[in-house]
Amino acid sequence: MSARDLPRSASEDASGVIAANGEFYAALDSRDGARMEALWSHAEDVACIHPGWHRLDGWEDVSQSWRAIFANSRPWKVRAEEEHVFVSGEIAVVLCVEVLEASGASGEPARMQATNVFRLEEGAWRIVHHHASPMPEAGEEEEEPVN
């Protein structure tokens, strides 16, 4: 569903959410801690699941994780692709693919499937949940369905 397929007010909300999601990936790409901090809700109900990590709960743990990632990871380029936005009142969800290219790495970039949840707070879309996990390799057979 694209923003142009939605009613006007929903379309405006979806555009705002896509802009906030783009800002999230710009902050991640530039390793800008202050910019990342400005994007997140600072409430205790926020959560984040980085690839291979356990769930982090609350702004203190989430913010500490971003500081550690920015300080200890090698340089990268990251962008979001295939963004799908869903808005319901003051909550919005963006499903996307993160494309991560580590500097100096050879081969294909890493592709993560990501879910970013936003909440409208004081007129701005703030992130309340981020979850990224590796995608199956291209051509890799899917496991049997759960049901």
Protein backbone atom coordinates (compact mmCIF):
# COMPACT_ATOMS: atom_id res chain seq x y z
CA MET A 1 0.00 0.00 0.00
CA SER A 2 1.45 3.34 -0.92
CA ALA A 3 0.68 6.70 0.62
CA ARG A 4 -1.17 7.78 -2.55
CA ASP A 5 -3.70 4.95 -2.11
CA LEU A 6 -4.85 6.25 1.27
CA PRO A 7 -7.40 8.95 2.13
CA ARG A 8 -5.90 12.45 2.42
CA SER A 9 -5.39 12.54 6.21
CA ALA A 10 -4.13 8.96 6.29
CA SER A 11 -1.88 9.76 3.31
CA GLU A 12 -0.39 12.72 5.19
CA ASP A 13 0.20 10.50 8.24
CA ALA A 14 1.81 7.80 6.08
CA SER A 15 4.07 10.40 4.46
CA GLY A 16 5.13 11.62 7.90
CA VAL A 17 5.87 8.07 9.04
CA ILE A 18 7.93 7.33 5.90
CA ALA A 19 9.86 10.56 6.52
CA ALA A 20 10.51 9.53 10.16
CA ASN A 21 11.62 6.08 8.99
CA GLY A 22 13.96 7.71 6.48
CA GLU A 23 15.38 9.90 9.24
CA PHE A 24 15.97 6.77 11.36
CA TYR A 25 18.05 5.19 8.60
CA ALA A 26 19.88 8.48 7.94
CA ALA A 27 20.83 8.63 11.65
CA LEU A 28 21.94 5.00 11.53
CA ASP A 29 23.90 5.55 8.32
CA SER A 30 25.68 8.61 9.74
CA ARG A 31 26.15 7.04 13.20
CA ASP A 32 24.69 10.17 14.71
CA GLY A 33 23.77 9.44 18.32
CA ALA A 34 22.06 12.79 18.95
CA ARG A 35 19.99 12.41 15.81
CA MET A 36 19.04 8.83 16.79
CA GLU A 37 18.10 9.98 20.30
CA ALA A 38 15.82 12.67 18.87
CA LEU A 39 13.91 10.07 16.84
CA TRP A 40 13.03 7.73 19.69
CA SER A 41 10.36 8.03 22.32
CA HIS A 42 12.07 8.17 25.69
CA ALA A 43 9.29 6.26 27.41
CA GLU A 44 9.85 3.09 29.37
CA ASP A 45 7.66 1.07 26.98
CA VAL A 46 10.12 1.29 24.06
CA ALA A 47 11.90 -1.86 22.91
CA CYS A 48 14.58 -2.81 20.42
CA ILE A 49 15.85 -6.11 19.02
CA HIS A 50 19.11 -5.83 17.12
CA PRO A 51 20.10 -8.82 14.92
CA GLY A 52 21.37 -11.58 17.19
CA TRP A 53 20.65 -9.66 20.42
CA HIS A 54 18.07 -10.21 23.12
CA ARG A 55 15.21 -7.72 23.45
CA LEU A 56 16.12 -4.42 25.09
CA ASP A 57 13.35 -2.78 27.12
CA GLY A 58 13.13 0.88 28.11
CA TRP A 59 14.80 3.96 26.74
CA GLU A 60 17.89 3.67 28.94
CA ASP A 61 18.86 0.22 27.57
CA VAL A 62 17.88 1.09 23.99
CA SER A 63 19.89 4.32 23.97
CA GLN A 64 22.89 2.57 25.51
CA SER A 65 22.76 -0.04 22.72
CA TRP A 66 22.90 2.61 19.99
CA ARG A 67 25.84 4.32 21.68
CA ALA A 68 27.69 0.99 21.86
CA ILE A 69 26.93 0.12 18.24
CA PHE A 70 28.07 3.53 16.99
CA ALA A 71 31.28 3.40 19.07
CA ASN A 72 32.29 -0.20 18.35
CA SER A 73 31.22 -1.13 14.82
CA ARG A 74 33.20 -0.67 11.67
CA PRO A 75 31.85 1.91 9.20
CA TRP A 76 28.86 1.00 7.04
CA LYS A 77 26.30 2.32 4.63
CA VAL A 78 22.67 1.46 5.33
CA ARG A 79 19.39 2.20 3.62
CA ALA A 80 15.78 1.03 3.74
CA GLU A 81 14.04 -0.54 0.77
CA GLU A 82 10.60 -1.99 0.16
CA GLU A 83 8.93 0.19 2.81
CA HIS A 84 5.32 -0.67 3.62
CA VAL A 85 3.53 1.62 6.06
CA PHE A 86 0.40 0.96 8.10
CA VAL A 87 -1.15 3.76 10.17
CA SER A 88 -3.87 3.32 12.78
CA GLY A 89 -4.56 6.42 14.80
CA GLU A 90 -1.45 7.36 16.79
CA ILE A 91 0.43 4.13 15.99
CA ALA A 92 2.21 3.31 12.74
CA VAL A 93 4.22 0.32 11.56
CA VAL A 94 6.82 0.27 8.82
CA LEU A 95 7.93 -3.07 7.40
CA CYS A 96 11.06 -2.77 5.31
CA VAL A 97 14.29 -4.34 4.16
CA GLU A 98 17.51 -2.91 5.58
CA VAL A 99 20.45 -3.09 3.21
CA LEU A 100 23.75 -2.91 5.12
CA GLU A 101 27.09 -2.60 3.38
CA ALA A 102 30.11 -2.76 5.69
CA SER A 103 33.04 -0.62 4.53
CA GLY A 104 35.82 -2.71 3.08
CA ALA A 105 33.68 -5.85 2.93
CA SER A 106 33.56 -7.87 -0.24
CA GLY A 107 30.49 -9.59 -1.54
CA GLU A 108 26.83 -8.84 -1.32
CA PRO A 109 25.46 -6.45 1.31
CA ALA A 110 23.58 -7.91 4.28
CA ARG A 111 19.81 -7.73 4.00
CA MET A 112 17.71 -7.56 7.13
CA GLN A 113 13.97 -7.64 7.48
CA ALA A 114 12.91 -4.91 9.84
CA THR A 115 9.85 -3.73 11.68
CA ASN A 116 9.77 -0.17 13.00
CA VAL A 117 6.85 0.92 15.17
CA PHE A 118 6.14 4.63 15.63
CA ARG A 119 3.84 6.52 18.00
CA LEU A 120 2.60 10.05 17.45
CA GLU A 121 3.94 12.08 20.40
CA GLU A 122 3.42 15.84 20.60
CA GLY A 123 2.89 16.03 16.84
CA ALA A 124 5.96 13.99 15.85
CA TRP A 125 6.32 10.32 14.92
CA ARG A 126 8.69 8.76 17.48
CA ILE A 127 10.10 5.23 17.30
CA VAL A 128 8.87 2.94 20.07
CA HIS A 129 10.11 -0.37 18.67
CA HIS A 130 12.76 -1.53 16.20
CA HIS A 131 13.35 -5.17 15.30
CA ALA A 132 15.77 -6.37 12.63
CA SER A 133 16.71 -9.92 11.74
CA PRO A 134 18.62 -11.53 8.86
CA MET A 135 16.71 -12.49 5.74
CA PRO A 136 17.07 -15.94 4.20
CA GLU A 137 19.72 -16.13 1.51
CA ALA A 138 18.48 -15.75 -2.05
CA GLY A 139 17.48 -19.14 -3.38
CA GLU A 140 17.41 -20.65 0.10
CA GLU A 141 14.41 -22.91 0.51
CA GLU A 142 11.85 -21.89 3.07
CA GLU A 143 11.10 -24.18 5.98
CA GLU A 144 7.78 -25.93 6.25
CA PRO A 145 4.92 -23.57 7.17
CA VAL A 146 4.10 -23.33 10.86
CA ASN A 147 0.46 -24.33 10.37
